[in-house]
Amino acid sequence: MKKLIRPYLAVVTSLLVLGGNFASAADNPFLGSWALTLPGGYPGWLGVTQEKDYLDATMLWRAGSVTPLDSVILNDQTLVFTQVHEVLRKDDQGKVTRTHHFTDRFMAQVQGDQLKIIVIRPRPDGRGVEREEFTGQRIPPPPAPDLTKVKFGEAVRLFNGTDLTGWKLVEPGAVNGWSAQAGLLSNRPVQTEGQPHKNYGNLRTEREFEDFNLTLEVRVPKDGNSGVYLKGLYEVQVADTFGKGLDPHNMGAVYSRITPSESAEKPAGEWQTLDITLVDRHVTVVLNGKQIINNQPVLGITGGALTADEFHAGPIYLQGDHAGVDYRNLVLRPVAK
C-alpha cells in the first residue's frame, strides 16, 4: 500500500509547497464560472471567487447540489482545490463500524478561456488512487435583461391532454412511468417490494427552445419530488415543502442556486401554479401568484442538466425518477426575436 500511495503524496506535496505568489483579483485568470466536461462526458460546473483575503470555490459534479470545496490554493500557475468525501465502513449486518474521509485533489491550469484539470482520487477500498483528466470552458457573466422590453411570441401548448405526442424519455433505456390520463400528464414511478429497483425516466419535449415564459399547473403528493428543467439546464424545484423555512431546495427555487424570497407553496395534494420566465440566463418565478424570484441570474447549470453548454436551445424536461406527480396546462411563449 505504501508504494501505491507514496507517488500520490509526492505529487500533491509538490503542488502545495508555498512560494508561489498569489495573483491579485484582477490578475487571477481562474476567477469566474466554468462549464465542465467531466470524465465520461458528463456536465459539471465550477465557480471560483476572490473573497476579502482568500480564494473560495464551489462545484457541481454531474448531479445533486452545488457544493463548496474544502480548500482552494493558487500556487503560481496552478489552482489546487480539494473535496472531502465520507466513506462508511459496515459489517456483515450493515452496521457502520468506521468512517473514513478521503480527499479528491484537483489541479487546474488555464489557457485563455479553457481549463485543463487533473483529479487524483483515492479508491474507496484504500488501495491506491485513480487519475483522470477533464476540461472546462469559461462562462461569461449573464447580462441583466430589461424585462419591460421583452416581447413574447405565439403560445405553444406543450401537452395536448390526450397522449404523449411531442414528448420522449430523456433516458431511452429507463422505465417509463409517464402517461396521459384524464387531461393530466402524470408520472407514477412504482417500485415493487422485494424486487430490484426500477430506474424511471425523465420526460422531455421533442422541441427545443431558447428564452421563454412557461406557465403550468402541478400537483405533488405527500413528500413528492419532481422538477421542471428550463432548456434542460436549470431545475425549478417541484416538491412538497409546505411549512418549511426558506431553502434553495424548496418549491419554486432554482435548485441549490437561488432561494425563494418567500414561501408561497401550498400543501401536498393541491394544484399549484408556476409562471417561469427565462431571459439571458436570468430567471423569474411566480408561485401561486406570488413572485418569489425576481429576474435573478443563474450562474451555472443545476444537477441533472443535459449539457454544460448554456448558449443553445434546449428542451423543457420534467423530473420523473423520484416520485409521483401530475402536470397540466403547460404553455410556453418563446421570446420574440
Foldseek 3Di string as FASTA:
>chain_A
DCVQCVVVVVVVVVQPDDDADDDDPVPDPPAAKKWWLDPVRATKIKHWDDDPDFIWIWIGDQFDATGTWPDWDDGHQKIKTKHKDWDFDADPVRHTDDIDIWMKIKIWGDDPQKIKIKIWGADSVRRHIDIDIIMIGGDDFFDQDDVVPWDWADKDFCDPQAFNPQKDFPDVPADEQWTRDPSKTKGALDDDPPDDHGFYTKMWGPDWAAWWKKKWKKAAAVQGWKWKDALLFWTQTDGAPPPHDWDCNDHRHRHNFGIFQDDDDDHHGDIKMWIWGADRQFIWIQIRNRTRGDRHHDRFGHHRRPGRDNPDIGIIIMGRRTRMMIMHRIMIIGTDD
